[in-house]
Amino acid sequence: MKKVLISLSALVISTAAIAQQKSVSNTEGQKFILLFRFKADAPPPNPAQLKASKEKWGQWMGGLAQQGKLFGGEQVAFGGTTISGIKKEVVKKPAVANNEMVTGYLLIIANDVKEAEAIAKGCPILVFNAV
């Protein structure tokens, strides 16, 4: 699986190897995961920023859907439970690594990693200087 870090935005991971293992045709492009991360200690956006962000996300994702580039995705809740270690310790908080926590992901269709990077560069998350 290829990994390419998209500056301040997302980790782009090609799922082409998985698709090939399952004998899925790649005639429509490859699938990539955009993994969104935020600094765990970042101040939350204010209500005006949230409203503007939702509008931009709607426009951006709507454009991806119209182009046939959006395959799926979800926002990840900021709460959660982390289970780790051989003792399977349960901690009632989201997983944070290097002061970063995953806040969501999108599955997109692109011809190659360059196109996936170009799509990621248009992501509204960059306004918040996510990582």
N, C-alpha and C. Protein backbone atom coordinates (compact mmCIF):
# COMPACT_ATOMS: atom_id res chain seq x y z
N MET A 1 0.83 -1.17 0.00
CA MET A 1 0.00 0.00 0.00
C MET A 1 0.88 1.24 0.00
N LYS A 2 0.66 2.15 -0.93
CA LYS A 2 1.45 3.38 -1.00
C LYS A 2 0.92 4.41 -0.02
N LYS A 3 1.80 5.21 0.55
CA LYS A 3 1.40 6.29 1.43
C LYS A 3 2.07 7.57 0.97
N VAL A 4 1.30 8.65 0.91
CA VAL A 4 1.85 9.95 0.55
C VAL A 4 1.25 10.96 1.52
N LEU A 5 2.07 11.68 2.23
CA LEU A 5 1.57 12.68 3.15
C LEU A 5 1.19 13.93 2.39
N ILE A 6 -0.03 14.38 2.58
CA ILE A 6 -0.49 15.62 1.97
C ILE A 6 -0.31 16.70 3.02
N SER A 7 0.47 17.69 2.72
CA SER A 7 0.83 18.74 3.65
C SER A 7 -0.39 19.34 4.32
N LEU A 8 -0.40 19.36 5.63
CA LEU A 8 -1.41 19.97 6.47
C LEU A 8 -2.79 19.38 6.32
N SER A 9 -2.95 18.29 5.60
CA SER A 9 -4.31 17.87 5.32
C SER A 9 -4.57 16.42 5.63
N ALA A 10 -4.06 15.57 4.83
CA ALA A 10 -4.53 14.21 4.87
C ALA A 10 -3.44 13.25 4.45
N LEU A 11 -3.59 12.04 4.88
CA LEU A 11 -2.74 10.97 4.42
C LEU A 11 -3.48 10.31 3.27
N VAL A 12 -2.85 10.21 2.11
CA VAL A 12 -3.47 9.58 0.95
C VAL A 12 -2.91 8.18 0.83
N ILE A 13 -3.79 7.19 0.89
CA ILE A 13 -3.37 5.80 0.83
C ILE A 13 -4.06 5.14 -0.34
N SER A 14 -3.29 4.54 -1.23
CA SER A 14 -3.86 3.84 -2.37
C SER A 14 -4.39 2.49 -1.92
N THR A 15 -5.58 2.16 -2.36
CA THR A 15 -6.14 0.85 -2.07
C THR A 15 -6.06 -0.06 -3.30
N ALA A 16 -5.28 0.33 -4.29
CA ALA A 16 -5.18 -0.43 -5.54
C ALA A 16 -4.70 -1.85 -5.30
N ALA A 17 -3.75 -2.03 -4.41
CA ALA A 17 -3.22 -3.37 -4.13
C ALA A 17 -4.32 -4.28 -3.57
N ILE A 18 -5.16 -3.74 -2.73
CA ILE A 18 -6.27 -4.51 -2.17
C ILE A 18 -7.25 -4.87 -3.27
N ALA A 19 -7.58 -3.90 -4.12
CA ALA A 19 -8.52 -4.14 -5.21
C ALA A 19 -7.98 -5.22 -6.15
N GLN A 20 -6.68 -5.19 -6.44
CA GLN A 20 -6.11 -6.18 -7.34
C GLN A 20 -6.16 -7.57 -6.71
N GLN A 21 -5.95 -7.66 -5.40
CA GLN A 21 -6.01 -8.95 -4.72
C GLN A 21 -7.41 -9.54 -4.80
N LYS A 22 -8.43 -8.69 -4.84
CA LYS A 22 -9.81 -9.15 -4.90
C LYS A 22 -10.31 -9.27 -6.34
N SER A 23 -9.43 -9.11 -7.31
CA SER A 23 -9.76 -9.18 -8.73
C SER A 23 -10.82 -8.15 -9.12
N VAL A 24 -10.74 -6.97 -8.55
CA VAL A 24 -11.66 -5.89 -8.89
C VAL A 24 -11.03 -5.08 -10.01
N SER A 25 -11.83 -4.73 -11.00
CA SER A 25 -11.33 -3.96 -12.14
C SER A 25 -11.02 -2.53 -11.72
N ASN A 26 -9.91 -1.99 -12.21
CA ASN A 26 -9.52 -0.61 -11.95
C ASN A 26 -9.74 0.26 -13.18
N THR A 27 -10.69 -0.10 -14.05
CA THR A 27 -10.91 0.67 -15.26
C THR A 27 -11.45 2.06 -14.98
N GLU A 28 -12.05 2.28 -13.82
CA GLU A 28 -12.61 3.58 -13.47
C GLU A 28 -11.67 4.37 -12.59
N GLY A 29 -10.47 3.93 -12.37
CA GLY A 29 -9.52 4.61 -11.49
C GLY A 29 -9.23 3.79 -10.26
N GLN A 30 -8.36 4.33 -9.44
CA GLN A 30 -7.97 3.67 -8.20
C GLN A 30 -8.69 4.32 -7.03
N LYS A 31 -8.83 3.57 -5.95
CA LYS A 31 -9.41 4.12 -4.73
C LYS A 31 -8.28 4.61 -3.84
N PHE A 32 -8.50 5.77 -3.22
CA PHE A 32 -7.57 6.35 -2.27
C PHE A 32 -8.32 6.75 -1.01
N ILE A 33 -7.65 6.68 0.11
CA ILE A 33 -8.22 7.13 1.38
C ILE A 33 -7.58 8.45 1.75
N LEU A 34 -8.41 9.46 2.01
CA LEU A 34 -7.93 10.72 2.57
C LEU A 34 -8.21 10.63 4.07
N LEU A 35 -7.18 10.61 4.87
CA LEU A 35 -7.30 10.45 6.31
C LEU A 35 -7.07 11.80 6.96
N PHE A 36 -8.09 12.35 7.62
CA PHE A 36 -8.02 13.69 8.18
C PHE A 36 -7.60 13.64 9.64
N ARG A 37 -6.63 14.50 9.99
CA ARG A 37 -6.09 14.53 11.35
C ARG A 37 -6.06 15.96 11.86
N PHE A 38 -6.25 16.10 13.16
CA PHE A 38 -6.14 17.39 13.84
C PHE A 38 -5.22 17.26 15.03
N LYS A 39 -4.60 18.35 15.39
CA LYS A 39 -3.83 18.39 16.63
C LYS A 39 -4.81 18.22 17.78
N ALA A 40 -4.52 17.34 18.70
CA ALA A 40 -5.43 17.06 19.81
C ALA A 40 -5.62 18.26 20.72
N ASP A 41 -4.63 19.13 20.80
CA ASP A 41 -4.73 20.29 21.69
C ASP A 41 -5.12 21.58 20.96
N ALA A 42 -5.56 21.47 19.70
CA ALA A 42 -5.96 22.66 18.93
C ALA A 42 -7.25 23.22 19.50
N PRO A 43 -7.38 24.54 19.52
CA PRO A 43 -8.63 25.13 19.99
C PRO A 43 -9.76 24.80 19.00
N PRO A 44 -10.96 24.55 19.50
CA PRO A 44 -12.07 24.24 18.59
C PRO A 44 -12.46 25.46 17.78
N PRO A 45 -12.96 25.26 16.57
CA PRO A 45 -13.40 26.40 15.76
C PRO A 45 -14.61 27.08 16.41
N ASN A 46 -14.76 28.37 16.16
CA ASN A 46 -15.91 29.09 16.70
C ASN A 46 -17.13 28.84 15.79
N PRO A 47 -18.34 29.22 16.23
CA PRO A 47 -19.54 28.94 15.44
C PRO A 47 -19.50 29.50 14.02
N ALA A 48 -18.95 30.69 13.83
CA ALA A 48 -18.87 31.26 12.48
C ALA A 48 -17.95 30.43 11.60
N GLN A 49 -16.82 29.99 12.15
CA GLN A 49 -15.90 29.15 11.38
C GLN A 49 -16.57 27.82 11.01
N LEU A 50 -17.32 27.24 11.96
CA LEU A 50 -18.00 25.97 11.69
C LEU A 50 -19.03 26.12 10.57
N LYS A 51 -19.79 27.19 10.59
CA LYS A 51 -20.80 27.42 9.56
C LYS A 51 -20.15 27.55 8.19
N ALA A 52 -19.11 28.37 8.11
CA ALA A 52 -18.40 28.56 6.84
C ALA A 52 -17.77 27.25 6.37
N SER A 53 -17.23 26.49 7.31
CA SER A 53 -16.60 25.22 6.98
C SER A 53 -17.62 24.23 6.41
N LYS A 54 -18.79 24.14 7.03
CA LYS A 54 -19.83 23.22 6.54
C LYS A 54 -20.25 23.56 5.13
N GLU A 55 -20.37 24.85 4.83
CA GLU A 55 -20.73 25.27 3.47
C GLU A 55 -19.65 24.86 2.47
N LYS A 56 -18.39 25.10 2.83
CA LYS A 56 -17.28 24.73 1.93
C LYS A 56 -17.20 23.22 1.74
N TRP A 57 -17.39 22.46 2.84
CA TRP A 57 -17.37 20.99 2.73
C TRP A 57 -18.48 20.52 1.80
N GLY A 58 -19.68 21.10 1.94
CA GLY A 58 -20.79 20.72 1.08
C GLY A 58 -20.50 20.96 -0.39
N GLN A 59 -19.92 22.12 -0.69
CA GLN A 59 -19.56 22.45 -2.07
C GLN A 59 -18.48 21.51 -2.59
N TRP A 60 -17.44 21.30 -1.79
CA TRP A 60 -16.31 20.48 -2.22
C TRP A 60 -16.74 19.03 -2.44
N MET A 61 -17.45 18.46 -1.46
CA MET A 61 -17.88 17.07 -1.59
C MET A 61 -18.93 16.91 -2.68
N GLY A 62 -19.81 17.91 -2.84
CA GLY A 62 -20.79 17.87 -3.93
C GLY A 62 -20.10 17.84 -5.29
N GLY A 63 -19.05 18.64 -5.42
CA GLY A 63 -18.27 18.64 -6.66
C GLY A 63 -17.61 17.30 -6.92
N LEU A 64 -17.05 16.69 -5.87
CA LEU A 64 -16.44 15.36 -6.03
C LEU A 64 -17.49 14.33 -6.45
N ALA A 65 -18.67 14.40 -5.84
CA ALA A 65 -19.74 13.46 -6.18
C ALA A 65 -20.17 13.64 -7.64
N GLN A 66 -20.32 14.89 -8.08
CA GLN A 66 -20.72 15.15 -9.47
C GLN A 66 -19.70 14.62 -10.47
N GLN A 67 -18.43 14.67 -10.08
CA GLN A 67 -17.36 14.19 -10.96
C GLN A 67 -17.18 12.67 -10.88
N GLY A 68 -17.92 12.01 -9.99
CA GLY A 68 -17.75 10.57 -9.80
C GLY A 68 -16.49 10.22 -9.03
N LYS A 69 -15.97 11.18 -8.27
CA LYS A 69 -14.71 10.97 -7.53
C LYS A 69 -14.93 10.57 -6.07
N LEU A 70 -16.15 10.75 -5.55
CA LEU A 70 -16.44 10.45 -4.15
C LEU A 70 -16.97 9.04 -4.03
N PHE A 71 -16.31 8.21 -3.22
CA PHE A 71 -16.72 6.82 -3.05
C PHE A 71 -17.38 6.59 -1.70
N GLY A 72 -17.00 7.38 -0.69
CA GLY A 72 -17.59 7.23 0.64
C GLY A 72 -16.75 7.95 1.68
N GLY A 73 -17.14 7.83 2.93
CA GLY A 73 -16.38 8.45 4.00
C GLY A 73 -17.23 8.72 5.21
N GLU A 74 -16.60 9.10 6.29
CA GLU A 74 -17.28 9.37 7.55
C GLU A 74 -16.48 10.36 8.37
N GLN A 75 -17.19 11.11 9.19
CA GLN A 75 -16.54 11.92 10.22
C GLN A 75 -16.42 11.01 11.44
N VAL A 76 -15.32 11.10 12.13
CA VAL A 76 -15.10 10.29 13.33
C VAL A 76 -15.45 11.15 14.53
N ALA A 77 -16.16 10.57 15.49
CA ALA A 77 -16.54 11.29 16.70
C ALA A 77 -15.31 11.67 17.50
N PHE A 78 -15.38 12.81 18.18
CA PHE A 78 -14.25 13.25 18.98
C PHE A 78 -14.14 12.50 20.30
N GLY A 79 -15.17 11.83 20.71
CA GLY A 79 -15.11 10.99 21.90
C GLY A 79 -14.67 9.61 21.49
N GLY A 80 -14.78 8.67 22.37
CA GLY A 80 -14.46 7.30 21.99
C GLY A 80 -13.75 6.54 23.07
N THR A 81 -13.37 5.34 22.71
CA THR A 81 -12.69 4.43 23.61
C THR A 81 -11.46 3.91 22.90
N THR A 82 -10.35 3.83 23.63
CA THR A 82 -9.13 3.25 23.09
C THR A 82 -8.84 1.96 23.84
N ILE A 83 -8.64 0.88 23.10
CA ILE A 83 -8.28 -0.41 23.69
C ILE A 83 -6.88 -0.73 23.18
N SER A 84 -5.96 -0.98 24.10
CA SER A 84 -4.58 -1.20 23.66
C SER A 84 -3.84 -2.19 24.55
N GLY A 85 -2.74 -2.66 23.99
CA GLY A 85 -1.82 -3.52 24.72
C GLY A 85 -2.30 -4.95 24.86
N ILE A 86 -1.39 -5.77 25.32
CA ILE A 86 -1.69 -7.20 25.48
C ILE A 86 -2.77 -7.43 26.54
N LYS A 87 -2.86 -6.50 27.50
CA LYS A 87 -3.89 -6.60 28.54
C LYS A 87 -5.22 -6.01 28.10
N LYS A 88 -5.24 -5.46 26.87
CA LYS A 88 -6.45 -4.87 26.30
C LYS A 88 -7.05 -3.82 27.23
N GLU A 89 -6.18 -2.91 27.68
CA GLU A 89 -6.60 -1.84 28.58
C GLU A 89 -7.59 -0.92 27.87
N VAL A 90 -8.69 -0.60 28.54
CA VAL A 90 -9.74 0.26 28.00
C VAL A 90 -9.63 1.64 28.63
N VAL A 91 -9.50 2.66 27.79
CA VAL A 91 -9.44 4.04 28.24
C VAL A 91 -10.54 4.80 27.52
N LYS A 92 -11.34 5.54 28.25
CA LYS A 92 -12.47 6.28 27.66
C LYS A 92 -11.99 7.61 27.08
N LYS A 93 -11.27 7.53 25.96
CA LYS A 93 -10.82 8.71 25.22
C LYS A 93 -10.42 8.26 23.83
N PRO A 94 -10.47 9.19 22.86
CA PRO A 94 -10.06 8.80 21.51
C PRO A 94 -8.56 8.54 21.44
N ALA A 95 -8.15 7.79 20.45
CA ALA A 95 -6.73 7.51 20.26
C ALA A 95 -6.02 8.77 19.77
N VAL A 96 -4.93 9.10 20.43
CA VAL A 96 -4.11 10.25 20.05
C VAL A 96 -2.68 9.75 19.91
N ALA A 97 -2.04 10.03 18.79
CA ALA A 97 -0.64 9.66 18.56
C ALA A 97 0.09 10.90 18.08
N ASN A 98 1.23 11.19 18.69
CA ASN A 98 2.02 12.37 18.33
C ASN A 98 1.17 13.64 18.39
N ASN A 99 0.30 13.73 19.37
CA ASN A 99 -0.62 14.86 19.57
C ASN A 99 -1.57 15.06 18.40
N GLU A 100 -1.84 14.01 17.63
CA GLU A 100 -2.77 14.08 16.51
C GLU A 100 -3.86 13.02 16.69
N MET A 101 -5.06 13.39 16.28
CA MET A 101 -6.13 12.40 16.31
C MET A 101 -6.87 12.42 14.98
N VAL A 102 -7.25 11.23 14.55
CA VAL A 102 -7.99 11.09 13.30
C VAL A 102 -9.41 11.59 13.53
N THR A 103 -9.88 12.45 12.62
CA THR A 103 -11.21 13.02 12.77
C THR A 103 -12.16 12.60 11.63
N GLY A 104 -11.64 11.91 10.63
CA GLY A 104 -12.49 11.43 9.57
C GLY A 104 -11.70 10.92 8.39
N TYR A 105 -12.43 10.42 7.41
CA TYR A 105 -11.78 9.92 6.20
C TYR A 105 -12.75 10.02 5.03
N LEU A 106 -12.20 10.08 3.84
CA LEU A 106 -12.96 9.98 2.60
C LEU A 106 -12.32 8.92 1.73
N LEU A 107 -13.14 8.19 1.02
CA LEU A 107 -12.67 7.28 -0.02
C LEU A 107 -12.95 7.99 -1.34
N ILE A 108 -11.92 8.16 -2.14
CA ILE A 108 -12.08 8.84 -3.42
C ILE A 108 -11.59 7.95 -4.55
N ILE A 109 -12.00 8.29 -5.75
CA ILE A 109 -11.55 7.61 -6.96
C ILE A 109 -10.68 8.60 -7.73
N ALA A 110 -9.48 8.17 -8.08
CA ALA A 110 -8.56 9.01 -8.86
C ALA A 110 -7.79 8.11 -9.82
N ASN A 111 -7.29 8.70 -10.88
CA ASN A 111 -6.52 7.94 -11.86
C ASN A 111 -5.18 7.50 -11.31
N ASP A 112 -4.58 8.33 -10.44
CA ASP A 112 -3.27 8.02 -9.86
C ASP A 112 -3.07 8.87 -8.62
N VAL A 113 -1.93 8.69 -7.97
CA VAL A 113 -1.67 9.40 -6.71
C VAL A 113 -1.58 10.91 -6.93
N LYS A 114 -1.10 11.35 -8.09
CA LYS A 114 -1.02 12.79 -8.38
C LYS A 114 -2.42 13.41 -8.39
N GLU A 115 -3.37 12.73 -9.01
CA GLU A 115 -4.74 13.24 -9.02
C GLU A 115 -5.32 13.22 -7.61
N ALA A 116 -5.04 12.18 -6.85
CA ALA A 116 -5.51 12.11 -5.46
C ALA A 116 -4.94 13.26 -4.63
N GLU A 117 -3.67 13.59 -4.86
CA GLU A 117 -3.05 14.72 -4.17
C GLU A 117 -3.74 16.03 -4.56
N ALA A 118 -4.06 16.18 -5.84
CA ALA A 118 -4.72 17.40 -6.30
C ALA A 118 -6.10 17.53 -5.66
N ILE A 119 -6.83 16.43 -5.55
CA ILE A 119 -8.13 16.45 -4.89
C ILE A 119 -7.96 16.85 -3.43
N ALA A 120 -6.98 16.25 -2.75
CA ALA A 120 -6.74 16.55 -1.33
C ALA A 120 -6.38 18.02 -1.11
N LYS A 121 -5.67 18.62 -2.05
CA LYS A 121 -5.30 20.03 -1.92
C LYS A 121 -6.50 20.96 -1.92
N GLY A 122 -7.62 20.51 -2.47
CA GLY A 122 -8.84 21.31 -2.47
C GLY A 122 -9.67 21.15 -1.22
N CYS A 123 -9.22 20.32 -0.30
CA CYS A 123 -9.99 20.01 0.90
C CYS A 123 -10.13 21.21 1.83
N PRO A 124 -11.35 21.49 2.29
CA PRO A 124 -11.58 22.63 3.19
C PRO A 124 -10.91 22.49 4.55
N ILE A 125 -10.44 21.33 4.90
CA ILE A 125 -9.79 21.14 6.21
C ILE A 125 -8.52 21.98 6.32
N LEU A 126 -7.94 22.33 5.18
CA LEU A 126 -6.70 23.12 5.19
C LEU A 126 -6.88 24.48 5.83
N VAL A 127 -8.10 25.01 5.83
CA VAL A 127 -8.38 26.30 6.44
C VAL A 127 -8.03 26.28 7.93
N PHE A 128 -8.19 25.10 8.54
CA PHE A 128 -7.95 24.98 9.99
C PHE A 128 -6.50 24.60 10.31
N ASN A 129 -5.64 24.46 9.30
CA ASN A 129 -4.24 24.09 9.54
C ASN A 129 -4.20 22.82 10.38
N ALA A 130 -4.89 21.78 9.90
CA ALA A 130 -5.17 20.57 10.67
C ALA A 130 -3.94 19.92 11.27
N VAL A 131 -2.89 19.69 10.52
CA VAL A 131 -1.70 19.04 11.07
C VAL A 131 -0.49 19.86 10.71
